[in-house]
PDB file of N, CA and C in Angstrom:
ATOM      1  N   MET A   1       0.841  -0.937   0.270  1.00  0.00           N
ATOM      2  CA  MET A   1       0.457  -0.258  -0.449  1.00  0.00           C
ATOM      3  C   MET A   1       0.775   1.165  -0.319  1.00  0.00           C
ATOM      4  N   ALA A   2       0.423   2.287  -0.796  1.00  0.00           N
ATOM      5  CA  ALA A   2       1.249   3.201  -0.985  1.00  0.00           C
ATOM      6  C   ALA A   2       1.243   3.982   0.639  1.00  0.00           C
ATOM      7  N   LYS A   3       2.360   4.868   0.767  1.00  0.00           N
ATOM      8  CA  LYS A   3       2.085   5.945   2.062  1.00  0.00           C
ATOM      9  C   LYS A   3       1.708   7.280   1.714  1.00  0.00           C
ATOM     10  N   LYS A   4       1.079   7.819   2.298  1.00  0.00           N
ATOM     11  CA  LYS A   4       0.100   8.648   2.245  1.00  0.00           C
ATOM     12  C   LYS A   4       1.041  10.172   2.812  1.00  0.00           C
ATOM     13  N   ARG A   5       1.254  10.813   1.625  1.00  0.00           N
ATOM     14  CA  ARG A   5       1.830  12.110   1.574  1.00  0.00           C
ATOM     15  C   ARG A   5       1.404  13.366   2.870  1.00  0.00           C
ATOM     16  N   LYS A   6       2.741  13.803   3.271  1.00  0.00           N
ATOM     17  CA  LYS A   6       2.083  14.917   3.989  1.00  0.00           C
ATOM     18  C   LYS A   6       2.164  15.881   3.389  1.00  0.00           C
ATOM     19  N   ARG A   7       0.774  17.268   3.378  1.00  0.00           N
ATOM     20  CA  ARG A   7       0.752  17.803   2.999  1.00  0.00           C
ATOM     21  C   ARG A   7       1.806  19.228   3.104  1.00  0.00           C
ATOM     22  N   LYS A   8       2.210  19.739   1.966  1.00  0.00           N
ATOM     23  CA  LYS A   8       3.438  20.930   1.862  1.00  0.00           C
ATOM     24  C   LYS A   8       2.400  21.915   3.050  1.00  0.00           C
ATOM     25  N   TYR A   9       1.650  22.729   2.389  1.00  0.00           N
ATOM     26  CA  TYR A   9       0.696  23.745   2.836  1.00  0.00           C
ATOM     27  C   TYR A   9      -0.502  23.225   3.358  1.00  0.00           C
ATOM     28  N   SER A  10      -0.677  23.751   4.769  1.00  0.00           N
ATOM     29  CA  SER A  10      -1.964  23.193   5.693  1.00  0.00           C
ATOM     30  C   SER A  10      -3.075  23.871   4.988  1.00  0.00           C
ATOM     31  N   ARG A  11      -4.353  23.330   5.314  1.00  0.00           N
ATOM     32  CA  ARG A  11      -5.882  23.808   4.725  1.00  0.00           C
ATOM     33  C   ARG A  11      -6.045  25.342   5.275  1.00  0.00           C
ATOM     34  N   GLY A  12      -5.518  25.640   6.190  1.00  0.00           N
ATOM     35  CA  GLY A  12      -5.581  27.164   6.711  1.00  0.00           C
ATOM     36  C   GLY A  12      -4.708  28.020   6.269  1.00  0.00           C
ATOM     37  N   SER A  13      -4.084  27.529   5.762  1.00  0.00           N
ATOM     38  CA  SER A  13      -2.758  28.286   4.721  1.00  0.00           C
ATOM     39  C   SER A  13      -2.963  28.695   3.286  1.00  0.00           C
ATOM     40  N   GLY A  14      -4.264  27.623   2.800  1.00  0.00           N
ATOM     41  CA  GLY A  14      -4.918  27.781   1.800  1.00  0.00           C
ATOM     42  C   GLY A  14      -6.281  28.993   1.788  1.00  0.00           C
ATOM     43  N   ARG A  15      -6.452  29.071   2.561  1.00  0.00           N
ATOM     44  CA  ARG A  15      -7.622  29.686   2.995  1.00  0.00           C
ATOM     45  C   ARG A  15      -6.745  31.092   3.330  1.00  0.00           C
ATOM     46  N   GLU A  16      -5.935  31.395   3.420  1.00  0.00           N
ATOM     47  CA  GLU A  16      -5.634  32.266   4.286  1.00  0.00           C
ATOM     48  C   GLU A  16      -5.364  33.266   2.790  1.00  0.00           C
ATOM     49  N   VAL A  17      -4.642  32.697   1.904  1.00  0.00           N
ATOM     50  CA  VAL A  17      -4.271  32.932   0.743  1.00  0.00           C
ATOM     51  C   VAL A  17      -5.613  33.247  -0.083  1.00  0.00           C
ATOM     52  N   GLU A  18      -6.544  32.285  -0.222  1.00  0.00           N
ATOM     53  CA  GLU A  18      -7.250  32.506  -1.210  1.00  0.00           C
ATOM     54  C   GLU A  18      -8.259  34.039  -0.348  1.00  0.00           C
ATOM     55  N   SER A  19      -8.437  34.569   1.098  1.00  0.00           N
ATOM     56  CA  SER A  19      -9.046  35.452   1.188  1.00  0.00           C
ATOM     57  C   SER A  19      -7.778  36.731   0.854  1.00  0.00           C
ATOM     58  N   GLU A  20      -6.712  36.404   1.162  1.00  0.00           N
ATOM     59  CA  GLU A  20      -5.670  37.907   0.307  1.00  0.00           C
ATOM     60  C   GLU A  20      -6.132  37.510  -1.171  1.00  0.00           C
ATOM     61  N   MET A  21      -6.376  36.778  -2.008  1.00  0.00           N
ATOM     62  CA  MET A  21      -6.675  37.079  -3.502  1.00  0.00           C
ATOM     63  C   MET A  21      -7.669  37.702  -3.573  1.00  0.00           C
ATOM     64  N   ARG A  22      -8.793  37.569  -2.925  1.00  0.00           N
ATOM     65  CA  ARG A  22     -10.331  37.954  -3.053  1.00  0.00           C
ATOM     66  C   ARG A  22     -10.050  39.461  -2.743  1.00  0.00           C
ATOM     67  N   ARG A  23      -9.184  39.992  -1.731  1.00  0.00           N
ATOM     68  CA  ARG A  23      -9.052  41.525  -1.603  1.00  0.00           C
ATOM     69  C   ARG A  23      -8.062  42.080  -2.517  1.00  0.00           C
ATOM     70  N   TYR A  24      -7.231  41.250  -3.262  1.00  0.00           N
ATOM     71  CA  TYR A  24      -6.594  41.631  -4.580  1.00  0.00           C
ATOM     72  C   TYR A  24      -7.497  42.133  -5.104  1.00  0.00           C
ATOM     73  N   LYS A  25      -8.164  41.321  -5.712  1.00  0.00           N
ATOM     74  CA  LYS A  25      -9.449  41.303  -6.943  1.00  0.00           C
ATOM     75  C   LYS A  25     -10.411  42.287  -6.714  1.00  0.00           C
ATOM     76  N   ARG A  26     -10.894  42.534  -5.632  1.00  0.00           N
ATOM     77  CA  ARG A  26     -11.702  43.557  -5.022  1.00  0.00           C
ATOM     78  C   ARG A  26     -10.708  44.931  -5.275  1.00  0.00           C
ATOM     79  N   GLY A  27      -9.447  44.855  -5.466  1.00  0.00           N
ATOM     80  CA  GLY A  27      -8.682  46.386  -5.002  1.00  0.00           C
ATOM     81  C   GLY A  27      -8.425  46.348  -3.642  1.00  0.00           C
ATOM     82  N   THR A  28      -8.929  45.825  -2.132  1.00  0.00           N
ATOM     83  CA  THR A  28      -8.509  46.511  -1.246  1.00  0.00           C
ATOM     84  C   THR A  28      -6.951  46.142  -0.716  1.00  0.00           C
ATOM     85  N   ALA A  29      -6.473  45.033  -1.267  1.00  0.00           N
ATOM     86  CA  ALA A  29      -5.643  44.572  -0.325  1.00  0.00           C
ATOM     87  C   ALA A  29      -4.223  45.256  -0.690  1.00  0.00           C
ATOM     88  N   ARG A  30      -3.363  45.503   0.672  1.00  0.00           N
ATOM     89  CA  ARG A  30      -2.453  46.606   0.965  1.00  0.00           C
ATOM     90  C   ARG A  30      -1.237  45.997   1.216  1.00  0.00           C
ATOM     91  N   SER A  31      -0.022  46.182   1.062  1.00  0.00           N
ATOM     92  CA  SER A  31       1.170  45.554   1.415  1.00  0.00           C
ATOM     93  C   SER A  31       1.873  46.292   2.685  1.00  0.00           C
ATOM     94  N   GLY A  32       2.429  45.663   3.607  1.00  0.00           N
ATOM     95  CA  GLY A  32       3.509  46.571   4.883  1.00  0.00           C
ATOM     96  C   GLY A  32       2.248  46.487   5.994  1.00  0.00           C
ATOM     97  N   LYS A  33       3.529  47.197   6.743  1.00  0.00           N
ATOM     98  CA  LYS A  33       2.729  47.335   8.429  1.00  0.00           C
ATOM     99  C   LYS A  33       1.588  48.111   7.947  1.00  0.00           C
ATOM    100  N   ARG A  34       0.278  47.682   8.361  1.00  0.00           N
ATOM    101  CA  ARG A  34      -0.931  48.209   8.730  1.00  0.00           C
ATOM    102  C   ARG A  34      -1.491  48.758   7.533  1.00  0.00           C
ATOM    103  N   GLY A  35      -0.750  48.583   6.169  1.00  0.00           N
ATOM    104  CA  GLY A  35      -0.942  48.733   4.687  1.00  0.00           C
ATOM    105  C   GLY A  35      -0.391  49.792   3.896  1.00  0.00           C
ATOM    106  N   ARG A  36       0.776  49.886   5.067  1.00  0.00           N
ATOM    107  CA  ARG A  36       1.120  51.586   4.381  1.00  0.00           C
ATOM    108  C   ARG A  36       2.134  51.242   3.304  1.00  0.00           C
ATOM    109  N   GLY A  37       2.122  50.324   2.871  1.00  0.00           N
ATOM    110  CA  GLY A  37       3.129  50.187   1.883  1.00  0.00           C
ATOM    111  C   GLY A  37       2.347  50.392   0.536  1.00  0.00           C
ATOM    112  N   GLY A  38       1.006  50.721   0.428  1.00  0.00           N
ATOM    113  CA  GLY A  38       0.474  50.899  -0.631  1.00  0.00           C
ATOM    114  C   GLY A  38      -0.194  50.059  -1.429  1.00  0.00           C
ATOM    115  N   LYS A  39      -1.237  49.746  -2.465  1.00  0.00           N
ATOM    116  CA  LYS A  39      -1.739  48.626  -3.142  1.00  0.00           C
ATOM    117  C   LYS A  39      -1.055  47.486  -3.616  1.00  0.00           C
ATOM    118  N   VAL A  40      -1.277  46.298  -3.517  1.00  0.00           N
ATOM    119  CA  VAL A  40      -0.697  45.325  -3.837  1.00  0.00           C
ATOM    120  C   VAL A  40      -1.047  45.250  -5.744  1.00  0.00           C
ATOM    121  N   LYS A  41      -0.172  44.823  -6.346  1.00  0.00           N
ATOM    122  CA  LYS A  41      -0.523  45.313  -7.661  1.00  0.00           C
ATOM    123  C   LYS A  41      -0.056  43.634  -8.457  1.00  0.00           C
ATOM    124  N   SER A  42       0.582  43.155  -7.909  1.00  0.00           N
ATOM    125  CA  SER A  42       0.571  41.483  -8.677  1.00  0.00           C
ATOM    126  C   SER A  42      -0.138  40.284  -7.875  1.00  0.00           C
ATOM    127  N   ARG A  43      -0.308  39.244  -8.634  1.00  0.00           N
ATOM    128  CA  ARG A  43      -0.745  38.157  -8.271  1.00  0.00           C
ATOM    129  C   ARG A  43       0.263  37.407  -6.991  1.00  0.00           C
ATOM    130  N   LYS A  44       1.236  37.453  -7.400  1.00  0.00           N
ATOM    131  CA  LYS A  44       2.534  36.894  -6.855  1.00  0.00           C
ATOM    132  C   LYS A  44       2.526  37.772  -5.387  1.00  0.00           C
ATOM    133  N   GLN A  45       2.345  39.204  -5.545  1.00  0.00           N
ATOM    134  CA  GLN A  45       2.341  39.881  -4.255  1.00  0.00           C
ATOM    135  C   GLN A  45       1.467  39.387  -3.268  1.00  0.00           C
ATOM    136  N   ALA A  46       0.291  39.069  -3.791  1.00  0.00           N
ATOM    137  CA  ALA A  46      -1.100  38.721  -3.114  1.00  0.00           C
ATOM    138  C   ALA A  46      -0.397  37.305  -2.377  1.00  0.00           C
ATOM    139  N   ILE A  47      -0.115  36.628  -2.952  1.00  0.00           N
ATOM    140  CA  ILE A  47       0.126  35.337  -2.529  1.00  0.00           C
ATOM    141  C   ILE A  47       1.023  35.386  -1.355  1.00  0.00           C
ATOM    142  N   ALA A  48       2.050  35.963  -1.765  1.00  0.00           N
ATOM    143  CA  ALA A  48       3.050  35.985  -0.398  1.00  0.00           C
ATOM    144  C   ALA A  48       2.552  36.560   0.355  1.00  0.00           C
ATOM    145  N   ILE A  49       1.801  37.810   0.486  1.00  0.00           N
ATOM    146  CA  ILE A  49       1.230  38.171   1.373  1.00  0.00           C
ATOM    147  C   ILE A  49       0.466  36.982   2.675  1.00  0.00           C
ATOM    148  N   GLY A  50      -0.589  36.393   1.922  1.00  0.00           N
ATOM    149  CA  GLY A  50      -1.382  35.204   2.376  1.00  0.00           C
ATOM    150  C   GLY A  50      -0.462  34.135   2.790  1.00  0.00           C
ATOM    151  N   LEU A  51       0.551  33.921   2.382  1.00  0.00           N
ATOM    152  CA  LEU A  51       1.519  32.838   3.157  1.00  0.00           C
ATOM    153  C   LEU A  51       2.141  33.461   4.229  1.00  0.00           C
ATOM    154  N   SER A  52       2.593  34.876   4.452  1.00  0.00           N
ATOM    155  CA  SER A  52       3.005  35.517   5.268  1.00  0.00           C
ATOM    156  C   SER A  52       2.135  35.541   6.366  1.00  0.00           C
ATOM    157  N   LYS A  53       1.053  36.071   6.282  1.00  0.00           N
ATOM    158  CA  LYS A  53      -0.346  35.664   7.517  1.00  0.00           C
ATOM    159  C   LYS A  53      -0.614  34.695   8.123  1.00  0.00           C
ATOM    160  N   ALA A  54      -0.489  33.435   6.914  1.00  0.00           N
ATOM    161  CA  ALA A  54      -0.344  32.302   7.829  1.00  0.00           C
ATOM    162  C   ALA A  54       0.648  31.739   8.385  1.00  0.00           C
ATOM    163  N   ARG A  55       2.031  31.718   8.191  1.00  0.00           N
ATOM    164  CA  ARG A  55       3.216  31.878   8.932  1.00  0.00           C
ATOM    165  C   ARG A  55       3.103  32.285  10.315  1.00  0.00           C
ATOM    166  N   LYS A  56       2.632  33.936  10.342  1.00  0.00           N
ATOM    167  CA  LYS A  56       2.481  34.557  11.811  1.00  0.00           C
ATOM    168  C   LYS A  56       1.428  33.653  12.424  1.00  0.00           C
ATOM    169  N   LYS A  57       0.193  33.209  12.446  1.00  0.00           N
ATOM    170  CA  LYS A  57      -0.849  32.223  12.615  1.00  0.00           C
ATOM    171  C   LYS A  57      -0.678  30.720  13.337  1.00  0.00           C
ATOM    172  N   GLY A  58       1.109  30.395  12.494  1.00  0.00           N
ATOM    173  CA  GLY A  58       1.086  29.376  12.959  1.00  0.00           C
ATOM    174  C   GLY A  58       0.772  28.215  12.366  1.00  0.00           C
ATOM    175  N   LYS A  59       0.166  28.621  11.229  1.00  0.00           N
ATOM    176  CA  LYS A  59      -0.230  27.277   9.968  1.00  0.00           C
ATOM    177  C   LYS A  59       0.959  26.661   9.284  1.00  0.00           C
ATOM    178  N   ARG A  60       0.825  25.524   9.040  1.00  0.00           N
ATOM    179  CA  ARG A  60       1.935  24.862   8.252  1.00  0.00           C
ATOM    180  C   ARG A  60       2.305  25.370   7.052  1.00  0.00           C
ATOM    181  N   VAL A  61       3.370  25.984   6.710  1.00  0.00           N
ATOM    182  CA  VAL A  61       3.987  26.772   5.576  1.00  0.00           C
ATOM    183  C   VAL A  61       5.490  26.409   5.489  1.00  0.00           C
ATOM    184  N   PRO A  62       5.961  26.092   4.177  1.00  0.00           N
ATOM    185  CA  PRO A  62       7.336  26.040   4.178  1.00  0.00           C
ATOM    186  C   PRO A  62       7.922  27.272   4.583  1.00  0.00           C
ATOM    187  N   PRO A  63       9.360  27.154   4.857  1.00  0.00           N
ATOM    188  CA  PRO A  63      10.072  28.567   5.165  1.00  0.00           C
ATOM    189  C   PRO A  63      10.050  29.559   4.427  1.00  0.00           C
ATOM    190  N   ARG A  64      10.272  30.688   4.254  1.00  0.00           N
ATOM    191  CA  ARG A  64      10.191  31.601   3.103  1.00  0.00           C
ATOM    192  C   ARG A  64      11.707  31.038   3.054  1.00  0.00           C
ATOM    193  N   GLU A  65      11.551  31.290   1.087  1.00  0.00           N
ATOM    194  CA  GLU A  65      13.018  31.471   0.478  1.00  0.00           C
ATOM    195  C   GLU A  65      13.774  32.783   0.756  1.00  0.00           C
ATOM    196  N   LYS A  66      15.106  32.740   0.871  1.00  0.00           N
ATOM    197  CA  LYS A  66      15.921  33.830   0.663  1.00  0.00           C
ATOM    198  C   LYS A  66      16.378  34.252  -0.343  1.00  0.00           C
TER     199      LYS A  66
END
């Protein structure tokens, strides 16, 4: 029997990215602390912000690449 693979990203982190993408599509997503960095201009940026928020909440997300 095949061994079950462990998820790389938790379901909760996926939801976090989903909600950030929704904000991006509506045009309300902002970057930086308390939204001082301005409007999010790309999908990649929105995904990165969602993953960052998930990490802060302690969800299972691989460490950030530098």
